[in-house]
N, C-alpha and C. Protein backbone atom coordinates (compact mmCIF):
# COMPACT_ATOMS: atom_id res chain seq x y z
N MET A 1 6.14 7.81 -3.48
CA MET A 1 5.34 6.51 -3.64
C MET A 1 5.50 6.35 -5.45
N ASP A 2 5.64 5.78 -5.75
CA ASP A 2 5.70 5.46 -7.46
C ASP A 2 4.62 4.65 -7.64
N TRP A 3 4.25 4.79 -8.94
CA TRP A 3 3.34 4.02 -10.11
C TRP A 3 3.45 2.77 -9.39
N ALA A 4 4.55 1.76 -10.00
CA ALA A 4 4.87 0.72 -9.56
C ALA A 4 4.28 0.10 -8.89
N PHE A 5 4.38 0.68 -7.43
CA PHE A 5 3.99 0.25 -6.24
C PHE A 5 2.39 0.43 -6.19
N LEU A 6 2.17 1.30 -6.77
CA LEU A 6 0.68 1.59 -6.39
C LEU A 6 -0.11 0.36 -6.91
N ALA A 7 0.31 0.01 -8.27
CA ALA A 7 -0.47 -0.78 -9.09
C ALA A 7 -0.10 -2.34 -8.83
N ILE A 8 0.79 -2.57 -7.83
CA ILE A 8 1.12 -3.71 -7.20
C ILE A 8 0.17 -3.98 -6.39
N SER A 9 0.38 -2.63 -5.74
CA SER A 9 -0.67 -2.79 -4.29
C SER A 9 -2.04 -3.14 -4.44
N THR A 10 -2.64 -2.36 -5.19
CA THR A 10 -3.98 -2.23 -5.61
C THR A 10 -4.51 -3.96 -6.77
N VAL A 11 -3.44 -4.52 -6.99
CA VAL A 11 -3.59 -5.65 -7.39
C VAL A 11 -3.76 -6.68 -6.12
N LYS A 12 -2.77 -6.76 -5.65
CA LYS A 12 -2.91 -7.38 -4.48
C LYS A 12 -4.31 -7.20 -3.53
N ILE A 13 -4.63 -6.52 -3.46
CA ILE A 13 -5.91 -5.81 -2.68
C ILE A 13 -7.12 -6.73 -3.04
N ILE A 14 -7.27 -6.49 -4.46
CA ILE A 14 -7.88 -6.86 -5.06
C ILE A 14 -8.22 -8.37 -5.52
N GLY A 15 -7.19 -8.90 -5.64
CA GLY A 15 -6.56 -10.40 -5.76
C GLY A 15 -7.29 -10.67 -4.14
N PHE A 16 -6.80 -10.55 -3.15
CA PHE A 16 -6.42 -10.96 -1.74
C PHE A 16 -8.28 -10.57 -1.67
N VAL A 17 -9.02 -9.81 -1.75
CA VAL A 17 -10.41 -10.06 -1.38
C VAL A 17 -11.41 -10.38 -2.77
N PHE A 18 -11.02 -10.98 -3.63
CA PHE A 18 -11.32 -11.76 -4.73
C PHE A 18 -11.38 -13.38 -4.67
N LEU A 19 -9.78 -13.66 -4.40
CA LEU A 19 -9.87 -14.87 -3.92
C LEU A 19 -9.47 -15.45 -2.56
N VAL A 20 -10.02 -14.59 -1.46
CA VAL A 20 -9.48 -14.87 0.06
C VAL A 20 -11.31 -14.76 0.11
N ILE A 21 -11.24 -13.15 0.64
CA ILE A 21 -12.26 -12.97 1.15
C ILE A 21 -13.65 -13.51 0.85
N LEU A 22 -13.97 -13.59 -0.62
CA LEU A 22 -15.51 -13.75 -0.87
C LEU A 22 -15.65 -15.45 -1.13
N PRO A 23 -14.46 -16.22 -1.56
CA PRO A 23 -14.74 -17.61 -0.91
C PRO A 23 -14.98 -17.83 0.31
N MET A 24 -14.26 -17.63 1.34
CA MET A 24 -14.70 -17.22 2.87
C MET A 24 -15.78 -17.30 3.11
N VAL A 25 -16.44 -16.18 2.36
CA VAL A 25 -18.01 -15.64 3.02
C VAL A 25 -19.00 -16.94 2.53
N ALA A 26 -18.18 -17.31 0.97
CA ALA A 26 -19.01 -18.33 0.40
C ALA A 26 -19.17 -19.80 1.26
N TYR A 27 -17.85 -20.31 2.08
CA TYR A 27 -18.08 -21.32 2.31
C TYR A 27 -18.81 -21.02 3.72
N SER A 28 -18.58 -19.90 5.02
CA SER A 28 -19.25 -19.62 5.89
C SER A 28 -20.66 -20.01 5.51
N VAL A 29 -21.28 -19.45 4.40
CA VAL A 29 -22.76 -19.65 4.00
C VAL A 29 -22.94 -21.21 3.95
N TRP A 30 -22.10 -22.24 3.34
CA TRP A 30 -22.16 -23.38 3.01
C TRP A 30 -22.05 -23.91 4.62
N ALA A 31 -21.01 -23.32 5.28
CA ALA A 31 -21.08 -24.03 6.60
C ALA A 31 -22.16 -23.85 7.61
N GLU A 32 -23.32 -22.76 7.40
CA GLU A 32 -24.03 -22.02 8.25
C GLU A 32 -25.43 -23.04 7.95
N ARG A 33 -25.00 -23.41 6.51
CA ARG A 33 -26.76 -24.24 5.88
C ARG A 33 -26.16 -25.39 6.53
N ARG A 34 -25.44 -26.20 6.46
CA ARG A 34 -24.83 -27.50 7.23
C ARG A 34 -25.27 -27.31 8.51
N VAL A 35 -24.88 -26.15 9.59
CA VAL A 35 -25.29 -26.25 10.76
C VAL A 35 -26.72 -26.17 11.13
N SER A 36 -27.65 -25.59 10.00
CA SER A 36 -28.88 -25.67 10.43
C SER A 36 -29.83 -26.50 9.85
N ALA A 37 -29.31 -27.06 9.03
CA ALA A 37 -29.84 -28.39 8.61
C ALA A 37 -29.53 -29.64 9.52
N ALA A 38 -28.47 -29.76 10.53
CA ALA A 38 -28.23 -30.69 11.43
C ALA A 38 -29.22 -30.39 12.57
N ILE A 39 -29.42 -28.84 12.84
CA ILE A 39 -30.36 -28.56 13.93
C ILE A 39 -31.50 -28.82 13.52
N GLN A 40 -32.25 -28.84 12.41
CA GLN A 40 -33.49 -29.23 11.82
C GLN A 40 -34.00 -30.65 11.79
N ASP A 41 -32.50 -31.53 11.72
CA ASP A 41 -32.87 -32.69 11.59
C ASP A 41 -33.05 -32.92 9.75
N ARG A 42 -32.35 -32.32 9.13
CA ARG A 42 -32.75 -32.13 7.28
C ARG A 42 -31.07 -32.70 7.05
N VAL A 43 -31.04 -33.12 5.81
CA VAL A 43 -29.98 -33.18 5.13
C VAL A 43 -29.03 -32.30 4.59
N GLY A 44 -29.76 -30.87 4.26
CA GLY A 44 -28.53 -30.19 4.31
C GLY A 44 -28.67 -29.96 2.71
N PRO A 45 -26.93 -29.17 2.26
CA PRO A 45 -26.72 -28.93 1.00
C PRO A 45 -25.59 -30.02 0.75
N ASN A 46 -25.97 -31.31 -0.42
CA ASN A 46 -25.02 -32.27 -0.33
C ASN A 46 -25.48 -32.65 -1.67
N ARG A 47 -26.18 -31.97 -2.62
CA ARG A 47 -26.28 -32.24 -3.88
C ARG A 47 -25.20 -32.07 -4.81
N VAL A 48 -24.54 -31.19 -4.77
CA VAL A 48 -23.21 -30.92 -5.40
C VAL A 48 -21.48 -30.96 -5.25
N GLY A 49 -21.07 -32.08 -5.72
CA GLY A 49 -19.86 -32.07 -5.21
C GLY A 49 -20.12 -33.33 -4.15
N TRP A 50 -18.76 -33.29 -3.40
CA TRP A 50 -18.53 -33.72 -2.15
C TRP A 50 -18.97 -33.31 -0.91
N ALA A 51 -19.79 -34.13 -0.24
CA ALA A 51 -20.94 -33.27 1.15
C ALA A 51 -20.90 -31.72 0.94
N GLY A 52 -21.11 -31.62 -0.34
CA GLY A 52 -21.68 -29.83 -0.90
C GLY A 52 -20.96 -29.09 -0.95
N LEU A 53 -19.35 -29.46 -1.10
CA LEU A 53 -18.77 -28.87 -1.05
C LEU A 53 -18.86 -27.77 -2.34
N LEU A 54 -19.20 -28.06 -3.31
CA LEU A 54 -19.73 -27.17 -4.68
C LEU A 54 -20.75 -26.29 -4.65
N GLN A 55 -21.26 -26.56 -3.80
CA GLN A 55 -22.88 -25.88 -3.27
C GLN A 55 -22.59 -24.50 -3.81
N PRO A 56 -21.76 -23.55 -2.78
CA PRO A 56 -21.25 -22.17 -3.19
C PRO A 56 -20.89 -21.98 -4.83
N MET A 57 -20.45 -22.65 -5.68
CA MET A 57 -20.23 -22.65 -6.89
C MET A 57 -21.43 -22.86 -7.46
N ALA A 58 -22.21 -23.60 -7.41
CA ALA A 58 -23.89 -23.79 -7.90
C ALA A 58 -24.73 -22.67 -7.80
N ASP A 59 -24.85 -22.07 -6.25
CA ASP A 59 -25.28 -21.08 -6.16
C ASP A 59 -25.24 -19.81 -6.69
N GLY A 60 -23.37 -19.67 -6.96
CA GLY A 60 -23.15 -18.63 -7.68
C GLY A 60 -23.51 -18.66 -9.04
N LEU A 61 -23.24 -19.57 -9.78
CA LEU A 61 -23.74 -19.96 -11.49
C LEU A 61 -25.05 -19.78 -11.16
N LYS A 62 -26.11 -20.50 -10.66
CA LYS A 62 -27.34 -19.74 -10.67
C LYS A 62 -28.09 -18.57 -10.27
N PHE A 63 -27.44 -17.84 -9.73
CA PHE A 63 -27.47 -16.19 -9.38
C PHE A 63 -26.76 -15.73 -10.66
N ILE A 64 -26.03 -16.08 -11.37
CA ILE A 64 -25.05 -15.16 -12.82
C ILE A 64 -26.64 -15.51 -13.98
N LEU A 65 -26.96 -16.17 -13.91
CA LEU A 65 -27.67 -17.00 -15.13
C LEU A 65 -29.26 -16.45 -14.46
N LYS A 66 -29.73 -16.13 -13.46
CA LYS A 66 -31.13 -15.39 -13.00
C LYS A 66 -31.37 -14.28 -13.70
N GLU A 67 -32.88 -14.26 -14.59
CA GLU A 67 -33.32 -12.60 -15.03
C GLU A 67 -32.83 -11.36 -14.47
N ASP A 68 -32.66 -10.73 -15.09
CA ASP A 68 -31.95 -9.26 -14.63
C ASP A 68 -33.69 -8.86 -13.97
N PHE A 69 -34.22 -8.71 -13.25
CA PHE A 69 -35.44 -8.05 -13.36
C PHE A 69 -35.19 -6.56 -12.94
N THR A 70 -35.58 -5.96 -13.01
CA THR A 70 -35.41 -3.91 -12.75
C THR A 70 -37.03 -3.44 -12.56
N PRO A 71 -37.89 -3.08 -11.83
CA PRO A 71 -38.70 -2.32 -11.73
C PRO A 71 -39.07 -1.25 -12.20
N GLU A 72 -39.99 -0.72 -12.88
CA GLU A 72 -40.33 0.19 -14.06
C GLU A 72 -40.01 1.85 -13.45
N HIS A 73 -40.56 1.67 -12.32
CA HIS A 73 -40.62 3.04 -11.73
C HIS A 73 -39.66 3.32 -10.34
N VAL A 74 -38.48 2.61 -10.74
CA VAL A 74 -37.44 2.96 -9.52
C VAL A 74 -36.38 4.02 -10.68
N ARG A 75 -35.69 4.81 -9.79
CA ARG A 75 -34.66 5.28 -10.42
C ARG A 75 -33.56 4.33 -10.55
N LYS A 76 -33.11 4.32 -12.15
CA LYS A 76 -32.32 3.06 -12.31
C LYS A 76 -31.11 2.66 -11.52
N GLY A 77 -30.10 4.09 -11.54
CA GLY A 77 -28.95 4.20 -11.49
C GLY A 77 -28.03 4.27 -9.69
N TYR A 78 -29.66 4.63 -9.29
CA TYR A 78 -29.61 4.69 -8.24
C TYR A 78 -29.98 3.08 -7.32
N TYR A 79 -30.65 2.59 -7.75
CA TYR A 79 -31.34 1.37 -7.79
C TYR A 79 -30.29 0.22 -7.72
N TRP A 80 -29.23 0.28 -8.43
CA TRP A 80 -28.50 -0.55 -9.03
C TRP A 80 -27.19 0.09 -7.96
N MET A 81 -26.70 1.60 -7.58
CA MET A 81 -25.35 1.69 -7.14
C MET A 81 -26.02 1.69 -5.53
N ALA A 82 -27.26 1.21 -4.71
CA ALA A 82 -27.49 0.86 -3.77
C ALA A 82 -27.05 -0.65 -2.87
N PRO A 83 -26.91 -1.87 -3.73
CA PRO A 83 -26.06 -3.00 -3.53
C PRO A 83 -25.04 -2.82 -3.10
N ALA A 84 -24.09 -1.74 -4.24
CA ALA A 84 -23.10 -1.73 -4.32
C ALA A 84 -22.53 -0.50 -2.86
N LEU A 85 -23.31 0.29 -2.60
CA LEU A 85 -22.54 0.68 -1.64
C LEU A 85 -22.56 0.40 0.07
N THR A 86 -23.01 -0.36 -0.26
CA THR A 86 -23.50 -1.05 0.89
C THR A 86 -22.44 -2.20 0.98
N MET A 87 -21.81 -3.25 0.28
CA MET A 87 -21.50 -3.55 -0.07
C MET A 87 -19.98 -3.70 0.24
N ILE A 88 -19.63 -2.55 -0.99
CA ILE A 88 -17.85 -2.14 -1.00
C ILE A 88 -17.40 -1.66 0.56
N PRO A 89 -18.33 -1.16 1.45
CA PRO A 89 -17.49 -0.77 2.98
C PRO A 89 -17.09 -2.13 3.91
N SER A 90 -17.73 -3.28 3.57
CA SER A 90 -18.33 -4.27 4.04
C SER A 90 -16.37 -5.05 3.38
N LEU A 91 -16.37 -4.68 2.22
CA LEU A 91 -15.00 -5.49 1.87
C LEU A 91 -13.96 -4.50 2.22
N LEU A 92 -13.97 -3.37 2.41
CA LEU A 92 -12.83 -2.57 2.54
C LEU A 92 -12.26 -2.58 4.21
N THR A 93 -12.86 -3.41 4.72
CA THR A 93 -12.39 -3.50 6.59
C THR A 93 -11.82 -4.41 6.12
N CYS A 94 -11.49 -5.35 5.50
CA CYS A 94 -10.84 -6.36 5.79
C CYS A 94 -9.16 -5.98 4.73
N ALA A 95 -9.30 -4.43 4.92
CA ALA A 95 -7.68 -4.11 4.23
C ALA A 95 -6.86 -3.89 5.60
N VAL A 96 -7.53 -3.52 6.90
CA VAL A 96 -6.84 -3.37 8.15
C VAL A 96 -6.60 -4.28 9.00
N LEU A 97 -7.10 -5.92 8.41
CA LEU A 97 -7.06 -7.06 9.66
C LEU A 97 -5.88 -7.45 9.28
N PRO A 98 -5.05 -7.66 10.25
CA PRO A 98 -3.41 -8.38 9.93
C PRO A 98 -3.99 -9.93 9.88
N PHE A 99 -3.02 -10.84 8.85
CA PHE A 99 -3.38 -12.40 9.07
C PHE A 99 -2.41 -12.76 8.99
N GLY A 100 -1.46 -12.51 9.58
CA GLY A 100 0.11 -12.77 10.10
C GLY A 100 1.05 -11.78 10.60
N SER A 101 2.17 -12.38 10.77
CA SER A 101 3.10 -11.18 10.94
C SER A 101 3.95 -10.98 9.83
N ARG A 102 4.51 -11.72 8.98
CA ARG A 102 5.49 -11.49 7.84
C ARG A 102 5.44 -12.98 7.12
N LEU A 103 5.27 -12.70 5.56
CA LEU A 103 5.47 -13.19 4.58
C LEU A 103 5.91 -13.44 3.58
N PHE A 104 7.37 -14.04 3.40
CA PHE A 104 8.62 -13.60 2.08
C PHE A 104 8.72 -12.56 2.75
N GLY A 105 8.90 -12.19 3.73
CA GLY A 105 9.47 -10.18 3.66
C GLY A 105 8.27 -9.38 3.99
N GLU A 106 7.00 -9.88 3.71
CA GLU A 106 5.60 -8.36 3.86
C GLU A 106 5.33 -8.61 4.98
N LYS A 107 4.61 -7.69 5.06
CA LYS A 107 4.03 -7.82 6.40
C LYS A 107 2.56 -8.14 5.56
N MET A 108 1.33 -8.68 6.38
CA MET A 108 0.58 -9.75 6.04
C MET A 108 -0.89 -8.83 6.62
N VAL A 109 -0.70 -7.92 6.04
CA VAL A 109 -1.81 -6.89 6.23
C VAL A 109 -1.49 -5.93 4.93
N ILE A 110 -2.70 -5.25 4.36
CA ILE A 110 -2.93 -4.67 2.93
C ILE A 110 -2.66 -3.16 3.78
N ALA A 111 -3.13 -2.71 4.63
CA ALA A 111 -3.30 -1.00 4.89
C ALA A 111 -2.60 -0.93 6.48
N ASP A 112 -1.51 -0.93 6.49
CA ASP A 112 -1.10 -0.89 8.02
C ASP A 112 -0.96 0.47 8.34
N LEU A 113 -2.44 0.43 9.59
CA LEU A 113 -3.08 2.05 10.36
C LEU A 113 -2.79 2.18 11.33
N ASP A 114 -2.50 2.72 12.12
CA ASP A 114 -2.47 2.71 13.78
C ASP A 114 -4.08 2.71 14.10
N VAL A 115 -4.61 3.26 13.19
CA VAL A 115 -6.01 3.60 13.89
C VAL A 115 -6.93 2.46 13.36
N GLY A 116 -6.32 1.17 13.25
CA GLY A 116 -7.01 0.27 12.45
C GLY A 116 -8.27 -0.26 13.25
N PRO A 117 -8.63 -0.23 14.31
CA PRO A 117 -10.22 -0.69 15.00
C PRO A 117 -10.88 0.79 14.63
N LEU A 118 -10.56 1.89 14.84
CA LEU A 118 -11.23 2.98 14.43
C LEU A 118 -11.71 3.18 13.16
N PHE A 119 -10.89 2.70 11.92
CA PHE A 119 -10.89 2.76 10.88
C PHE A 119 -11.85 1.75 10.33
N ILE A 120 -12.36 0.64 11.05
CA ILE A 120 -13.40 -0.59 10.95
C ILE A 120 -14.71 0.24 11.35
N PHE A 121 -14.59 0.73 12.45
CA PHE A 121 -16.04 1.23 12.74
C PHE A 121 -16.49 2.77 11.81
N ALA A 122 -15.39 3.03 11.60
CA ALA A 122 -15.67 4.26 11.01
C ALA A 122 -16.27 3.92 9.09
N ILE A 123 -15.44 2.74 8.87
CA ILE A 123 -15.96 2.21 7.02
C ILE A 123 -17.47 1.38 7.32
N ALA A 124 -17.39 0.73 8.52
CA ALA A 124 -18.54 -0.23 8.81
C ALA A 124 -19.81 0.55 9.16
N SER A 125 -19.92 1.72 9.53
CA SER A 125 -21.09 2.41 9.64
C SER A 125 -21.64 3.48 8.28
N LEU A 126 -20.63 3.45 7.50
CA LEU A 126 -21.14 3.75 6.10
C LEU A 126 -21.97 2.92 5.24
N SER A 127 -21.98 1.60 5.56
CA SER A 127 -22.96 0.85 5.07
C SER A 127 -24.28 1.16 4.93
N VAL A 128 -24.72 1.74 5.90
CA VAL A 128 -26.29 2.17 6.28
C VAL A 128 -26.56 2.73 5.16
N TYR A 129 -25.68 3.94 4.82
CA TYR A 129 -26.08 5.30 3.31
C TYR A 129 -26.50 3.82 2.14
N GLY A 130 -26.11 2.76 1.69
CA GLY A 130 -26.87 1.98 1.06
C GLY A 130 -28.07 1.34 1.37
N ILE A 131 -28.55 1.42 2.49
CA ILE A 131 -29.62 1.26 2.74
C ILE A 131 -30.93 2.34 2.52
N VAL A 132 -30.46 3.54 2.97
CA VAL A 132 -31.21 4.78 2.60
C VAL A 132 -31.20 4.89 0.94
N LEU A 133 -30.21 4.63 0.44
CA LEU A 133 -30.17 5.24 -1.10
C LEU A 133 -31.24 3.92 -1.62
N ALA A 134 -30.97 2.36 -1.32
CA ALA A 134 -32.11 1.50 -1.75
C ALA A 134 -33.57 2.36 -1.45
N GLY A 135 -34.01 3.04 -0.66
CA GLY A 135 -35.31 3.17 -0.56
C GLY A 135 -35.28 4.52 -1.23
N TRP A 136 -34.47 5.18 -1.08
CA TRP A 136 -34.48 6.57 -2.00
C TRP A 136 -34.78 6.18 -3.58
N ALA A 137 -34.51 4.87 -3.83
CA ALA A 137 -34.69 4.29 -5.32
C ALA A 137 -35.62 3.85 -5.39
N SER A 138 -36.02 3.57 -4.57
CA SER A 138 -37.90 2.94 -5.21
C SER A 138 -38.46 4.03 -5.25
N ASN A 139 -38.69 5.20 -5.27
CA ASN A 139 -39.16 5.99 -5.79
C ASN A 139 -40.45 6.12 -5.05
N SER A 140 -40.70 5.90 -3.88
CA SER A 140 -41.63 5.83 -2.84
C SER A 140 -41.44 5.83 -1.69
N LYS A 141 -42.64 6.67 -1.04
CA LYS A 141 -41.90 7.50 0.39
C LYS A 141 -42.03 6.31 1.56
N TYR A 142 -42.55 5.57 1.29
CA TYR A 142 -42.82 4.63 2.80
C TYR A 142 -41.43 3.54 2.62
N PRO A 143 -40.69 2.81 1.24
CA PRO A 143 -39.40 2.46 1.69
C PRO A 143 -38.47 3.57 1.93
N PHE A 144 -38.36 4.72 1.52
CA PHE A 144 -37.67 5.34 1.79
C PHE A 144 -37.56 6.15 3.44
N LEU A 145 -38.67 6.21 3.70
CA LEU A 145 -39.13 6.24 5.30
C LEU A 145 -38.21 5.17 6.35
N GLY A 146 -38.38 3.95 5.56
CA GLY A 146 -37.86 2.66 6.18
C GLY A 146 -36.45 2.78 6.11
N GLY A 147 -35.84 3.37 4.80
CA GLY A 147 -34.59 3.13 4.93
C GLY A 147 -33.63 4.48 5.50
N VAL A 148 -34.59 5.55 5.87
CA VAL A 148 -34.02 6.64 6.68
C VAL A 148 -33.97 5.85 8.45
N ARG A 149 -35.09 5.29 8.38
CA ARG A 149 -35.22 5.12 9.84
C ARG A 149 -33.84 4.04 10.36
N SER A 150 -33.56 3.25 9.49
CA SER A 150 -32.27 2.14 9.66
C SER A 150 -31.06 2.88 10.06
N THR A 151 -30.79 4.55 9.87
CA THR A 151 -29.79 5.13 10.07
C THR A 151 -29.39 5.23 11.66
């Protein structure tokens, strides 16, 4: 395996996750908010763009501009690592999902594993360690016990 192939594969994986998977998640949240608004007889997200279609971008901008607040008594490194340790395995499971047969002669799967479903179960089970780490980072025994209990 040469370095060019490895670099191109890495760029494809990162591009696929950030340009396809994360917008799908954002618009799934938009659809869920619309459905829950219809169930509750409310208007729902309709302020930004036509039918609220730009609402996920407005939510992302709001998230970026929010104040960065870290409590003083926490372990800062673990406090910041815990959400990443929960999110990264969730995004890695998309690597073995086939999105079609072939496109321009390339398989439409990032990692063609024979044990795809087993890989999904194994990687998805790692997300719970981010919850344990979040409890540990709080520097208090009760959140840590709650995090350990979640495993």
